[in-house]
Amino acid sequence: MKLLVTGGAGFIGSNFIRHVLALKKNHAVLNFDKLTYAGNLANLEPVAGNPAYSFCKGDIGDAAAVESAMAGCDAVVHFAAESHVDRSIYDPAVAVQTNVTGTLVLLQAARKLNLKRFVHVSTDEVYGDIEPGGFANESSPLRPNSPYSASKAASDLLVRSFVRTYNFPAVITRPSNNYGPYQFPEKLVPLMISNTIENKPLPIYGDGKQQRTWLQVDDHCQGIVAVLERGRIGEVYNLGGADIVDNLTMARSILRILGKPETLITQVQDRPGHDRRYATTSKKIEDELGWKPATRLDEGLRQTIEWYSKNTKWLADVRGGNYLSYYQKNYEHRDASLKSIATPGKAPK
């Protein structure tokens, strides 16, 4: 099977490509990526010489380029997205253009070329703020609260409409927060790890009690393969992690593993509309496809920290001008000054 993987130079996409090629199931992969700030071909260096892998630089909003790349493929696994909430708050138009219009372009090309399957990778954030102790299932209402999650919910509905209207062979996945190697350091886990390694402040939004379900990226890739091969057309599958912790606990865990003081934890002004809890149940995919996450957070976090500690050149290379200007705007220049939320020798309360 030949796969067109959109956004394959990004964090999850590159992990997925390496995972699929390692399976040795005679899959060929064409990586279609615009190479925006978060796209990095260094992520694919381990497979760059694999004859089953190829790369095409292109924009999913460019219909002609999409159709040309998609010709000869059997299926699409669609990762490409503007995926950072804070960036979508600063510029919602970019998120809508990529996540909604780009998805529509892909759907139209895949329908025209009669592809066998289209896996649309969404997010659990489309469910919005989940009540304390609650978990969203695939029938839960979509209640997005950021421009990013709203754009992903819109793209989900486009995919659904193509299934119903055109009998289009699509499946939607909604994973929880991913972590692991090659993640761009604007996201929580790599930001906390890289700042801890360099003894820099760990910026935490508000009180840090925002809860997230955490999914190790290799587990996620295994789930996507299961959906690609055996998922039912027209269905939605949640892929939730095995552990749910708040952001402050995550930061404290990273500090503990690296042996650094909790006084590095600092508080910044919370972002607008910040959801307090994301949590999903994965019972459907467990029952139907036999997938469930295998990596517990403690184990996965230690592995991730080890990877970043060993790959300091990769980290330095990706933290260039775009990253630095964003970091300064989003953390150092916020209205509320950085301040410690941990007193020396004591855990944050």
C-alpha atoms as a PDB file:
ATOM      1  CA  MET A   1       0.000   0.000   0.000  1.00  0.00           C
ATOM      2  CA  LYS A   2       1.327   3.438  -0.897  1.00  0.00           C
ATOM      3  CA  LEU A   3       0.511   6.097   1.680  1.00  0.00           C
ATOM      4  CA  LEU A   4       0.426   9.840   1.255  1.00  0.00           C
ATOM      5  CA  VAL A   5       1.319  11.214   4.688  1.00  0.00           C
ATOM      6  CA  THR A   6       0.597  14.915   5.053  1.00  0.00           C
ATOM      7  CA  GLY A   7       2.707  16.823   7.557  1.00  0.00           C
ATOM      8  CA  GLY A   8       5.149  13.943   7.700  1.00  0.00           C
ATOM      9  CA  ALA A   9       8.079  16.178   8.689  1.00  0.00           C
ATOM     10  CA  GLY A  10       6.312  17.228  11.886  1.00  0.00           C
ATOM     11  CA  PHE A  11       6.362  15.559  15.283  1.00  0.00           C
ATOM     12  CA  ILE A  12       3.661  12.880  15.018  1.00  0.00           C
ATOM     13  CA  GLY A  13       3.914  12.530  11.253  1.00  0.00           C
ATOM     14  CA  SER A  14       7.637  11.773  11.294  1.00  0.00           C
ATOM     15  CA  ASN A  15       7.225   9.287  14.135  1.00  0.00           C
ATOM     16  CA  PHE A  16       4.436   7.618  12.155  1.00  0.00           C
ATOM     17  CA  ILE A  17       6.527   7.345   8.992  1.00  0.00           C
ATOM     18  CA  ARG A  18       9.435   5.775  10.837  1.00  0.00           C
ATOM     19  CA  HIS A  19       7.011   3.421  12.608  1.00  0.00           C
ATOM     20  CA  VAL A  20       5.266   2.302   9.405  1.00  0.00           C
ATOM     21  CA  LEU A  21       8.486   1.649   7.532  1.00  0.00           C
ATOM     22  CA  ALA A  22       9.857  -0.336  10.477  1.00  0.00           C
ATOM     23  CA  LEU A  23       6.842  -2.668  10.269  1.00  0.00           C
ATOM     24  CA  LYS A  24       8.124  -3.992   6.912  1.00  0.00           C
ATOM     25  CA  LYS A  25       4.626  -4.596   5.584  1.00  0.00           C
ATOM     26  CA  ASN A  26       5.507  -3.473   2.059  1.00  0.00           C
ATOM     27  CA  HIS A  27       4.117   0.001   2.716  1.00  0.00           C
ATOM     28  CA  ALA A  28       5.574   2.852   0.688  1.00  0.00           C
ATOM     29  CA  VAL A  29       5.329   6.380   2.043  1.00  0.00           C
ATOM     30  CA  LEU A  30       5.244   9.725   0.262  1.00  0.00           C
ATOM     31  CA  ASN A  31       5.765  12.515   2.772  1.00  0.00           C
ATOM     32  CA  PHE A  32       3.919  15.681   1.652  1.00  0.00           C
ATOM     33  CA  ASP A  33       4.932  18.621   3.824  1.00  0.00           C
ATOM     34  CA  LYS A  34       5.115  22.387   3.438  1.00  0.00           C
ATOM     35  CA  LEU A  35       8.064  22.573   5.860  1.00  0.00           C
ATOM     36  CA  THR A  36       6.706  25.371   8.005  1.00  0.00           C
ATOM     37  CA  TYR A  37       8.471  26.280  11.262  1.00  0.00           C
ATOM     38  CA  ALA A  38       7.532  22.924  12.850  1.00  0.00           C
ATOM     39  CA  GLY A  39       8.424  20.757   9.852  1.00  0.00           C
ATOM     40  CA  ASN A  40      11.935  19.367   9.971  1.00  0.00           C
ATOM     41  CA  LEU A  41      13.412  16.848   7.543  1.00  0.00           C
ATOM     42  CA  ALA A  42      16.049  16.023  10.144  1.00  0.00           C
ATOM     43  CA  ASN A  43      13.240  14.081  11.821  1.00  0.00           C
ATOM     44  CA  LEU A  44      13.350  11.643   8.884  1.00  0.00           C
ATOM     45  CA  GLU A  45      17.106  11.165   8.651  1.00  0.00           C
ATOM     46  CA  PRO A  46      16.854   7.565   9.947  1.00  0.00           C
ATOM     47  CA  VAL A  47      14.741   6.608   6.892  1.00  0.00           C
ATOM     48  CA  ALA A  48      16.027   9.085   4.309  1.00  0.00           C
ATOM     49  CA  GLY A  49      17.786   6.319   2.391  1.00  0.00           C
ATOM     50  CA  ASN A  50      14.912   3.850   2.542  1.00  0.00           C
ATOM     51  CA  PRO A  51      13.689   3.104  -1.014  1.00  0.00           C
ATOM     52  CA  ALA A  52      10.119   2.918   0.310  1.00  0.00           C
ATOM     53  CA  TYR A  53      10.280   6.552   1.457  1.00  0.00           C
ATOM     54  CA  SER A  54      10.058   9.711  -0.632  1.00  0.00           C
ATOM     55  CA  PHE A  55       9.451  13.383   0.053  1.00  0.00           C
ATOM     56  CA  CYS A  56       7.505  16.059  -1.812  1.00  0.00           C
ATOM     57  CA  LYS A  57       7.458  19.634  -0.584  1.00  0.00           C
ATOM     58  CA  GLY A  58       3.987  21.081  -0.960  1.00  0.00           C
ATOM     59  CA  ASP A  59       1.064  22.913   0.598  1.00  0.00           C
ATOM     60  CA  ILE A  60      -2.153  21.016   1.311  1.00  0.00           C
ATOM     61  CA  GLY A  61      -3.989  24.170   0.245  1.00  0.00           C
ATOM     62  CA  ASP A  62      -2.552  23.876  -3.288  1.00  0.00           C
ATOM     63  CA  ALA A  63      -5.049  21.708  -5.176  1.00  0.00           C
ATOM     64  CA  ALA A  64      -2.815  21.031  -8.170  1.00  0.00           C
ATOM     65  CA  ALA A  65       0.171  20.050  -6.019  1.00  0.00           C
ATOM     66  CA  VAL A  66      -2.007  17.828  -3.823  1.00  0.00           C
ATOM     67  CA  GLU A  67      -3.533  15.979  -6.765  1.00  0.00           C
ATOM     68  CA  SER A  68      -0.152  15.485  -8.399  1.00  0.00           C
ATOM     69  CA  ALA A  69       1.353  14.054  -5.209  1.00  0.00           C
ATOM     70  CA  MET A  70      -1.676  11.907  -4.443  1.00  0.00           C
ATOM     71  CA  ALA A  71      -1.783  10.253  -7.883  1.00  0.00           C
ATOM     72  CA  GLY A  72      -0.725   6.628  -7.527  1.00  0.00           C
ATOM     73  CA  CYS A  73      -1.341   6.497  -3.769  1.00  0.00           C
ATOM     74  CA  ASP A  74      -3.784   4.104  -2.139  1.00  0.00           C
ATOM     75  CA  ALA A  75      -4.520   5.956   1.089  1.00  0.00           C
ATOM     76  CA  VAL A  76      -3.992   9.231   2.933  1.00  0.00           C
ATOM     77  CA  VAL A  77      -2.980   9.680   6.558  1.00  0.00           C
ATOM     78  CA  HIS A  78      -3.629  13.341   7.239  1.00  0.00           C
ATOM     79  CA  PHE A  79      -1.544  14.916  10.018  1.00  0.00           C
ATOM     80  CA  ALA A  80      -0.794  18.331   8.495  1.00  0.00           C
ATOM     81  CA  ALA A  81      -2.244  21.056  10.705  1.00  0.00           C
ATOM     82  CA  GLU A  82      -1.560  24.246  12.554  1.00  0.00           C
ATOM     83  CA  SER A  83      -1.709  22.519  15.917  1.00  0.00           C
ATOM     84  CA  HIS A  84      -0.665  25.049  18.551  1.00  0.00           C
ATOM     85  CA  VAL A  85      -3.477  26.704  20.485  1.00  0.00           C
ATOM     86  CA  ASP A  86      -1.500  29.828  21.380  1.00  0.00           C
ATOM     87  CA  ARG A  87      -0.502  30.496  17.776  1.00  0.00           C
ATOM     88  CA  SER A  88      -4.149  30.091  16.729  1.00  0.00           C
ATOM     89  CA  ILE A  89      -5.119  32.715  19.303  1.00  0.00           C
ATOM     90  CA  TYR A  90      -2.606  35.164  17.825  1.00  0.00           C
ATOM     91  CA  ASP A  91      -3.640  34.422  14.217  1.00  0.00           C
ATOM     92  CA  PRO A  92      -6.867  32.375  13.789  1.00  0.00           C
ATOM     93  CA  ALA A  93      -6.872  32.799  10.000  1.00  0.00           C
ATOM     94  CA  VAL A  94      -3.794  30.634   9.549  1.00  0.00           C
ATOM     95  CA  ALA A  95      -5.356  27.783  11.531  1.00  0.00           C
ATOM     96  CA  VAL A  96      -8.596  27.974   9.559  1.00  0.00           C
ATOM     97  CA  GLN A  97      -6.817  28.144   6.204  1.00  0.00           C
ATOM     98  CA  THR A  98      -4.648  25.110   6.896  1.00  0.00           C
ATOM     99  CA  ASN A  99      -6.928  22.970   9.010  1.00  0.00           C
ATOM    100  CA  VAL A 100     -10.239  23.573   7.235  1.00  0.00           C
ATOM    101  CA  THR A 101      -9.474  24.639   3.660  1.00  0.00           C
ATOM    102  CA  GLY A 102      -6.441  22.352   3.444  1.00  0.00           C
ATOM    103  CA  THR A 103      -8.494  19.366   4.588  1.00  0.00           C
ATOM    104  CA  LEU A 104     -11.173  20.165   2.018  1.00  0.00           C
ATOM    105  CA  VAL A 105      -8.566  20.237  -0.766  1.00  0.00           C
ATOM    106  CA  LEU A 106      -7.282  16.832   0.311  1.00  0.00           C
ATOM    107  CA  LEU A 107     -10.777  15.367   0.490  1.00  0.00           C
ATOM    108  CA  GLN A 108     -11.652  16.589  -2.987  1.00  0.00           C
ATOM    109  CA  ALA A 109      -8.459  15.177  -4.495  1.00  0.00           C
ATOM    110  CA  ALA A 110      -8.814  11.832  -2.720  1.00  0.00           C
ATOM    111  CA  ARG A 111     -12.415  11.518  -3.889  1.00  0.00           C
ATOM    112  CA  LYS A 112     -11.480  12.374  -7.464  1.00  0.00           C
ATOM    113  CA  LEU A 113      -8.680   9.792  -7.478  1.00  0.00           C
ATOM    114  CA  ASN A 114     -10.799   7.103  -5.778  1.00  0.00           C
ATOM    115  CA  LEU A 115      -8.413   6.421  -2.928  1.00  0.00           C
ATOM    116  CA  LYS A 116      -9.171   3.408  -0.771  1.00  0.00           C
ATOM    117  CA  ARG A 117      -8.899   5.082   2.626  1.00  0.00           C
ATOM    118  CA  PHE A 118      -8.506   8.490   4.242  1.00  0.00           C
ATOM    119  CA  VAL A 119      -7.445   8.664   7.900  1.00  0.00           C
ATOM    120  CA  HIS A 120      -8.067  12.110   9.332  1.00  0.00           C
ATOM    121  CA  VAL A 121      -6.048  12.732  12.500  1.00  0.00           C
ATOM    122  CA  SER A 122      -7.950  15.157  14.713  1.00  0.00           C
ATOM    123  CA  THR A 123      -7.668  15.928  18.446  1.00  0.00           C
ATOM    124  CA  ASP A 124      -9.508  15.368  21.716  1.00  0.00           C
ATOM    125  CA  GLU A 125      -9.623  19.155  22.077  1.00  0.00           C
ATOM    126  CA  VAL A 126     -12.719  19.250  19.844  1.00  0.00           C
ATOM    127  CA  TYR A 127     -14.699  17.984  22.854  1.00  0.00           C
ATOM    128  CA  GLY A 128     -13.770  21.095  24.792  1.00  0.00           C
ATOM    129  CA  ASP A 129     -13.645  21.363  28.571  1.00  0.00           C
ATOM    130  CA  ILE A 130     -14.600  18.055  30.201  1.00  0.00           C
ATOM    131  CA  GLU A 131     -16.216  18.191  33.633  1.00  0.00           C
ATOM    132  CA  PRO A 132     -14.129  16.989  36.601  1.00  0.00           C
ATOM    133  CA  GLY A 133     -14.028  13.208  36.686  1.00  0.00           C
ATOM    134  CA  GLY A 134     -15.689  12.925  33.291  1.00  0.00           C
ATOM    135  CA  PHE A 135     -14.491  11.405  30.021  1.00  0.00           C
ATOM    136  CA  ALA A 136     -15.610  12.114  26.460  1.00  0.00           C
ATOM    137  CA  ASN A 137     -16.554   9.269  24.152  1.00  0.00           C
ATOM    138  CA  GLU A 138     -16.996   9.382  20.389  1.00  0.00           C
ATOM    139  CA  SER A 139     -20.646  10.435  20.736  1.00  0.00           C
ATOM    140  CA  SER A 140     -19.908  13.371  23.024  1.00  0.00           C
ATOM    141  CA  PRO A 141     -20.817  16.801  21.611  1.00  0.00           C
ATOM    142  CA  LEU A 142     -18.150  18.906  19.956  1.00  0.00           C
ATOM    143  CA  ARG A 143     -17.598  22.061  22.034  1.00  0.00           C
ATOM    144  CA  PRO A 144     -14.290  23.573  20.928  1.00  0.00           C
ATOM    145  CA  ASN A 145     -13.074  26.626  22.832  1.00  0.00           C
ATOM    146  CA  SER A 146     -10.061  27.850  20.862  1.00  0.00           C
ATOM    147  CA  PRO A 147      -9.588  28.829  17.213  1.00  0.00           C
ATOM    148  CA  TYR A 148      -7.366  25.763  16.843  1.00  0.00           C
ATOM    149  CA  SER A 149      -9.865  23.253  18.220  1.00  0.00           C
ATOM    150  CA  ALA A 150     -12.714  24.967  16.362  1.00  0.00           C
ATOM    151  CA  SER A 151     -10.817  24.591  13.084  1.00  0.00           C
ATOM    152  CA  LYS A 152     -10.188  20.913  13.824  1.00  0.00           C
ATOM    153  CA  ALA A 153     -13.848  20.351  14.684  1.00  0.00           C
ATOM    154  CA  ALA A 154     -14.808  22.012  11.396  1.00  0.00           C
ATOM    155  CA  SER A 155     -12.467  19.715   9.488  1.00  0.00           C
ATOM    156  CA  ASP A 156     -13.930  16.691  11.298  1.00  0.00           C
ATOM    157  CA  LEU A 157     -17.392  17.724  10.146  1.00  0.00           C
ATOM    158  CA  LEU A 158     -16.157  18.131   6.572  1.00  0.00           C
ATOM    159  CA  VAL A 159     -14.802  14.591   6.651  1.00  0.00           C
ATOM    160  CA  ARG A 160     -18.079  13.335   8.090  1.00  0.00           C
ATOM    161  CA  SER A 161     -20.041  15.102   5.348  1.00  0.00           C
ATOM    162  CA  PHE A 162     -17.933  13.459   2.627  1.00  0.00           C
ATOM    163  CA  VAL A 163     -18.591  10.024   4.124  1.00  0.00           C
ATOM    164  CA  ARG A 164     -22.336  10.603   4.220  1.00  0.00           C
ATOM    165  CA  THR A 165     -22.763  12.536   0.968  1.00  0.00           C
ATOM    166  CA  TYR A 166     -20.229  10.823  -1.303  1.00  0.00           C
ATOM    167  CA  ASN A 167     -19.768   7.434   0.406  1.00  0.00           C
ATOM    168  CA  PHE A 168     -16.167   8.511   0.939  1.00  0.00           C
ATOM    169  CA  PRO A 169     -13.867   5.970   2.723  1.00  0.00           C
ATOM    170  CA  ALA A 170     -12.739   8.124   5.637  1.00  0.00           C
ATOM    171  CA  VAL A 171     -12.080   7.437   9.315  1.00  0.00           C
ATOM    172  CA  ILE A 172     -11.435  10.029  12.045  1.00  0.00           C
ATOM    173  CA  THR A 173      -9.093   9.614  15.003  1.00  0.00           C
ATOM    174  CA  ARG A 174      -9.051  11.869  18.047  1.00  0.00           C
ATOM    175  CA  PRO A 175      -5.871  11.386  20.076  1.00  0.00           C
ATOM    176  CA  SER A 176      -5.060  12.945  23.412  1.00  0.00           C
ATOM    177  CA  ASN A 177      -1.929  15.025  24.070  1.00  0.00           C
ATOM    178  CA  ASN A 178       1.120  13.343  22.539  1.00  0.00           C
ATOM    179  CA  TYR A 179       4.655  13.421  23.845  1.00  0.00           C
ATOM    180  CA  GLY A 180       7.904  11.813  22.724  1.00  0.00           C
ATOM    181  CA  PRO A 181      11.014  12.399  20.574  1.00  0.00           C
ATOM    182  CA  TYR A 182      11.191  15.031  17.830  1.00  0.00           C
ATOM    183  CA  GLN A 183       8.430  17.232  19.277  1.00  0.00           C
ATOM    184  CA  PHE A 184       8.853  20.931  18.543  1.00  0.00           C
ATOM    185  CA  PRO A 185       9.719  22.675  21.838  1.00  0.00           C
ATOM    186  CA  GLU A 186       6.790  25.096  21.881  1.00  0.00           C
ATOM    187  CA  LYS A 187       4.662  22.273  23.308  1.00  0.00           C
ATOM    188  CA  LEU A 188       4.550  21.622  27.046  1.00  0.00           C
ATOM    189  CA  VAL A 189       6.689  18.508  27.498  1.00  0.00           C
ATOM    190  CA  PRO A 190       9.671  19.421  25.298  1.00  0.00           C
ATOM    191  CA  LEU A 191       9.545  23.008  26.556  1.00  0.00           C
ATOM    192  CA  MET A 192       9.707  21.850  30.158  1.00  0.00           C
ATOM    193  CA  ILE A 193      12.489  19.364  29.375  1.00  0.00           C
ATOM    194  CA  SER A 194      14.657  21.755  27.368  1.00  0.00           C
ATOM    195  CA  ASN A 195      14.306  24.587  29.898  1.00  0.00           C
ATOM    196  CA  THR A 196      15.082  22.238  32.772  1.00  0.00           C
ATOM    197  CA  ILE A 197      18.230  20.978  31.053  1.00  0.00           C
ATOM    198  CA  GLU A 198      19.380  24.600  30.690  1.00  0.00           C
ATOM    199  CA  ASN A 199      18.243  25.693  34.182  1.00  0.00           C
ATOM    200  CA  LYS A 200      15.765  28.169  32.713  1.00  0.00           C
ATOM    201  CA  PRO A 201      12.345  29.017  34.195  1.00  0.00           C
ATOM    202  CA  LEU A 202       9.540  26.575  33.448  1.00  0.00           C
ATOM    203  CA  PRO A 203       6.573  28.796  32.462  1.00  0.00           C
ATOM    204  CA  ILE A 204       3.256  27.381  33.675  1.00  0.00           C
ATOM    205  CA  TYR A 205      -0.067  28.960  32.706  1.00  0.00           C
ATOM    206  CA  GLY A 206      -2.180  30.137  35.638  1.00  0.00           C
ATOM    207  CA  ASP A 207      -2.310  27.702  38.543  1.00  0.00           C
ATOM    208  CA  GLY A 208      -1.073  24.792  36.419  1.00  0.00           C
ATOM    209  CA  LYS A 209      -4.058  22.615  37.307  1.00  0.00           C
ATOM    210  CA  GLN A 210      -5.162  22.043  33.710  1.00  0.00           C
ATOM    211  CA  GLN A 211      -5.546  18.276  33.331  1.00  0.00           C
ATOM    212  CA  ARG A 212      -4.509  16.383  30.203  1.00  0.00           C
ATOM    213  CA  THR A 213      -4.476  12.748  29.160  1.00  0.00           C
ATOM    214  CA  TRP A 214      -0.971  11.912  27.894  1.00  0.00           C
ATOM    215  CA  LEU A 215      -0.279   9.511  25.023  1.00  0.00           C
ATOM    216  CA  GLN A 216       3.206   8.373  24.078  1.00  0.00           C
ATOM    217  CA  VAL A 217       3.685   8.963  20.350  1.00  0.00           C
ATOM    218  CA  ASP A 218       4.701   5.374  19.493  1.00  0.00           C
ATOM    219  CA  ASP A 219       1.480   4.117  21.076  1.00  0.00           C
ATOM    220  CA  HIS A 220      -0.388   6.685  18.991  1.00  0.00           C
ATOM    221  CA  CYS A 221       1.288   5.458  15.805  1.00  0.00           C
ATOM    222  CA  GLN A 222       0.256   1.895  16.567  1.00  0.00           C
ATOM    223  CA  GLY A 223      -3.324   3.082  16.998  1.00  0.00           C
ATOM    224  CA  ILE A 224      -3.303   4.893  13.662  1.00  0.00           C
ATOM    225  CA  VAL A 225      -2.034   1.775  11.908  1.00  0.00           C
ATOM    226  CA  ALA A 226      -4.869  -0.213  13.470  1.00  0.00           C
ATOM    227  CA  VAL A 227      -7.415   2.339  12.222  1.00  0.00           C
ATOM    228  CA  LEU A 228      -5.784   2.472   8.779  1.00  0.00           C
ATOM    229  CA  GLU A 229      -5.918  -1.281   8.368  1.00  0.00           C
ATOM    230  CA  ARG A 230      -9.105  -2.278  10.218  1.00  0.00           C
ATOM    231  CA  GLY A 231     -11.106   0.787  11.245  1.00  0.00           C
ATOM    232  CA  ARG A 232     -14.714   0.990  10.080  1.00  0.00           C
ATOM    233  CA  ILE A 233     -15.439   3.583   7.412  1.00  0.00           C
ATOM    234  CA  GLY A 234     -17.247   6.631   8.767  1.00  0.00           C
ATOM    235  CA  GLU A 235     -16.342   5.952  12.384  1.00  0.00           C
ATOM    236  CA  VAL A 236     -14.553   8.098  14.933  1.00  0.00           C
ATOM    237  CA  TYR A 237     -11.988   6.521  17.257  1.00  0.00           C
ATOM    238  CA  ASN A 238     -10.629   8.168  20.404  1.00  0.00           C
ATOM    239  CA  LEU A 239      -7.013   7.317  21.189  1.00  0.00           C
ATOM    240  CA  GLY A 240      -6.527   8.270  24.799  1.00  0.00           C
ATOM    241  CA  GLY A 241      -3.415   7.915  26.907  1.00  0.00           C
ATOM    242  CA  ALA A 242      -3.061   5.741  29.981  1.00  0.00           C
ATOM    243  CA  ASP A 243      -2.467   8.599  32.420  1.00  0.00           C
ATOM    244  CA  ILE A 244      -4.147  11.917  33.188  1.00  0.00           C
ATOM    245  CA  VAL A 245      -2.159  14.532  35.102  1.00  0.00           C
ATOM    246  CA  ASP A 246      -2.165  18.300  35.363  1.00  0.00           C
ATOM    247  CA  ASN A 247       0.476  20.549  33.832  1.00  0.00           C
ATOM    248  CA  LEU A 248       2.045  21.424  37.174  1.00  0.00           C
ATOM    249  CA  THR A 249       2.465  17.749  38.033  1.00  0.00           C
ATOM    250  CA  MET A 250       4.061  17.156  34.646  1.00  0.00           C
ATOM    251  CA  ALA A 251       6.579  19.939  35.259  1.00  0.00           C
ATOM    252  CA  ARG A 252       7.376  18.625  38.733  1.00  0.00           C
ATOM    253  CA  SER A 253       7.910  15.107  37.351  1.00  0.00           C
ATOM    254  CA  ILE A 254      10.398  16.384  34.775  1.00  0.00           C
ATOM    255  CA  LEU A 255      12.289  18.325  37.431  1.00  0.00           C
ATOM    256  CA  ARG A 256      12.401  15.276  39.683  1.00  0.00           C
ATOM    257  CA  ILE A 257      13.747  12.999  36.955  1.00  0.00           C
ATOM    258  CA  LEU A 258      16.435  15.521  36.026  1.00  0.00           C
ATOM    259  CA  GLY A 259      17.260  16.317  39.638  1.00  0.00           C
ATOM    260  CA  LYS A 260      16.477  20.028  39.403  1.00  0.00           C
ATOM    261  CA  PRO A 261      14.773  22.262  42.023  1.00  0.00           C
ATOM    262  CA  GLU A 262      11.091  23.097  41.868  1.00  0.00           C
ATOM    263  CA  THR A 263      11.959  26.772  42.197  1.00  0.00           C
ATOM    264  CA  LEU A 264      12.436  26.715  38.413  1.00  0.00           C
ATOM    265  CA  ILE A 265       8.650  26.467  38.065  1.00  0.00           C
ATOM    266  CA  THR A 266       7.235  29.898  37.297  1.00  0.00           C
ATOM    267  CA  GLN A 267       3.761  31.232  36.699  1.00  0.00           C
ATOM    268  CA  VAL A 268       2.662  33.243  33.670  1.00  0.00           C
ATOM    269  CA  GLN A 269      -0.698  34.750  32.878  1.00  0.00           C
ATOM    270  CA  ASP A 270      -3.146  32.102  31.730  1.00  0.00           C
ATOM    271  CA  ARG A 271      -4.132  32.077  28.081  1.00  0.00           C
ATOM    272  CA  PRO A 272      -7.640  33.155  27.058  1.00  0.00           C
ATOM    273  CA  GLY A 273     -10.301  30.446  27.137  1.00  0.00           C
ATOM    274  CA  HIS A 274      -7.929  27.823  28.536  1.00  0.00           C
ATOM    275  CA  ASP A 275      -9.711  24.459  28.927  1.00  0.00           C
ATOM    276  CA  ARG A 276      -9.267  22.915  32.355  1.00  0.00           C
ATOM    277  CA  ARG A 277      -9.612  19.235  31.454  1.00  0.00           C
ATOM    278  CA  TYR A 278      -9.202  17.055  28.376  1.00  0.00           C
ATOM    279  CA  ALA A 279     -10.048  13.401  28.931  1.00  0.00           C
ATOM    280  CA  THR A 280     -11.381  10.689  26.649  1.00  0.00           C
ATOM    281  CA  THR A 281     -12.288   7.035  26.873  1.00  0.00           C
ATOM    282  CA  SER A 282     -10.739   4.653  24.328  1.00  0.00           C
ATOM    283  CA  LYS A 283     -13.118   1.750  24.946  1.00  0.00           C
ATOM    284  CA  LYS A 284     -14.391   1.752  21.356  1.00  0.00           C
ATOM    285  CA  ILE A 285     -11.014   1.206  19.708  1.00  0.00           C
ATOM    286  CA  GLU A 286     -10.022  -1.277  22.423  1.00  0.00           C
ATOM    287  CA  ASP A 287     -13.166  -3.337  21.806  1.00  0.00           C
ATOM    288  CA  GLU A 288     -13.165  -3.124  18.009  1.00  0.00           C
ATOM    289  CA  LEU A 289      -9.488  -3.065  17.054  1.00  0.00           C
ATOM    290  CA  GLY A 290      -7.684  -4.336  20.130  1.00  0.00           C
ATOM    291  CA  TRP A 291      -5.621  -1.184  20.620  1.00  0.00           C
ATOM    292  CA  LYS A 292      -4.770   0.372  23.940  1.00  0.00           C
ATOM    293  CA  PRO A 293      -1.794   2.441  25.075  1.00  0.00           C
ATOM    294  CA  ALA A 294       1.081   0.331  26.346  1.00  0.00           C
ATOM    295  CA  THR A 295       3.404   3.001  27.770  1.00  0.00           C
ATOM    296  CA  ARG A 296       2.819   4.402  31.224  1.00  0.00           C
ATOM    297  CA  LEU A 297       3.679   8.049  31.717  1.00  0.00           C
ATOM    298  CA  ASP A 298       6.604   7.524  34.106  1.00  0.00           C
ATOM    299  CA  GLU A 299       8.325   5.184  31.665  1.00  0.00           C
ATOM    300  CA  GLY A 300       7.538   7.244  28.583  1.00  0.00           C
ATOM    301  CA  LEU A 301       8.594  10.496  30.215  1.00  0.00           C
ATOM    302  CA  ARG A 302      11.965   9.065  31.232  1.00  0.00           C
ATOM    303  CA  GLN A 303      12.532   7.800  27.693  1.00  0.00           C
ATOM    304  CA  THR A 304      11.587  11.189  26.267  1.00  0.00           C
ATOM    305  CA  ILE A 305      13.882  13.079  28.646  1.00  0.00           C
ATOM    306  CA  GLU A 306      16.726  10.729  27.729  1.00  0.00           C
ATOM    307  CA  TRP A 307      16.152  11.396  24.018  1.00  0.00           C
ATOM    308  CA  TYR A 308      16.235  15.190  24.418  1.00  0.00           C
ATOM    309  CA  SER A 309      19.266  14.975  26.669  1.00  0.00           C
ATOM    310  CA  LYS A 310      21.138  13.004  24.011  1.00  0.00           C
ATOM    311  CA  ASN A 311      19.940  15.066  21.036  1.00  0.00           C
ATOM    312  CA  THR A 312      20.992  18.552  22.067  1.00  0.00           C
ATOM    313  CA  LYS A 313      22.114  19.399  18.507  1.00  0.00           C
ATOM    314  CA  TRP A 314      18.643  18.641  17.132  1.00  0.00           C
ATOM    315  CA  LEU A 315      17.141  20.800  19.863  1.00  0.00           C
ATOM    316  CA  ALA A 316      19.532  23.684  19.219  1.00  0.00           C
ATOM    317  CA  ASP A 317      18.885  23.531  15.477  1.00  0.00           C
ATOM    318  CA  VAL A 318      15.088  23.777  15.801  1.00  0.00           C
ATOM    319  CA  ARG A 319      15.175  26.604  18.323  1.00  0.00           C
ATOM    320  CA  GLY A 320      16.063  29.284  15.803  1.00  0.00           C
ATOM    321  CA  GLY A 321      14.732  32.763  15.144  1.00  0.00           C
ATOM    322  CA  ASN A 322      11.064  31.810  14.714  1.00  0.00           C
ATOM    323  CA  TYR A 323      11.031  29.834  17.942  1.00  0.00           C
ATOM    324  CA  LEU A 324      12.847  32.539  19.923  1.00  0.00           C
ATOM    325  CA  SER A 325      10.564  35.343  18.757  1.00  0.00           C
ATOM    326  CA  TYR A 326       7.496  33.263  19.596  1.00  0.00           C
ATOM    327  CA  TYR A 327       8.867  32.292  23.020  1.00  0.00           C
ATOM    328  CA  GLN A 328       9.564  35.901  23.916  1.00  0.00           C
ATOM    329  CA  LYS A 329       6.128  37.035  22.800  1.00  0.00           C
ATOM    330  CA  ASN A 330       4.249  34.230  24.479  1.00  0.00           C
ATOM    331  CA  TYR A 331       6.090  33.923  27.793  1.00  0.00           C
ATOM    332  CA  GLU A 332       8.661  36.622  28.509  1.00  0.00           C
ATOM    333  CA  HIS A 333       6.529  39.566  27.368  1.00  0.00           C
ATOM    334  CA  ARG A 334       3.144  38.583  28.750  1.00  0.00           C
ATOM    335  CA  ASP A 335       1.220  41.051  30.903  1.00  0.00           C
ATOM    336  CA  ALA A 336       1.923  39.081  34.046  1.00  0.00           C
ATOM    337  CA  SER A 337       5.581  38.856  34.942  1.00  0.00           C
ATOM    338  CA  LEU A 338       7.182  35.501  35.560  1.00  0.00           C
ATOM    339  CA  LYS A 339       6.999  34.577  39.190  1.00  0.00           C
ATOM    340  CA  SER A 340       7.809  31.471  41.138  1.00  0.00           C
ATOM    341  CA  ILE A 341       4.964  29.248  42.263  1.00  0.00           C
ATOM    342  CA  ALA A 342       7.260  27.071  44.335  1.00  0.00           C
ATOM    343  CA  THR A 343       9.057  28.202  47.442  1.00  0.00           C
ATOM    344  CA  PRO A 344      12.536  26.812  48.093  1.00  0.00           C
ATOM    345  CA  GLY A 345      12.365  23.330  49.521  1.00  0.00           C
ATOM    346  CA  LYS A 346       8.588  23.104  49.230  1.00  0.00           C
ATOM    347  CA  ALA A 347       6.267  21.661  46.636  1.00  0.00           C
ATOM    348  CA  PRO A 348       3.809  23.981  44.907  1.00  0.00           C
ATOM    349  CA  LYS A 349       0.349  23.900  46.405  1.00  0.00           C
END
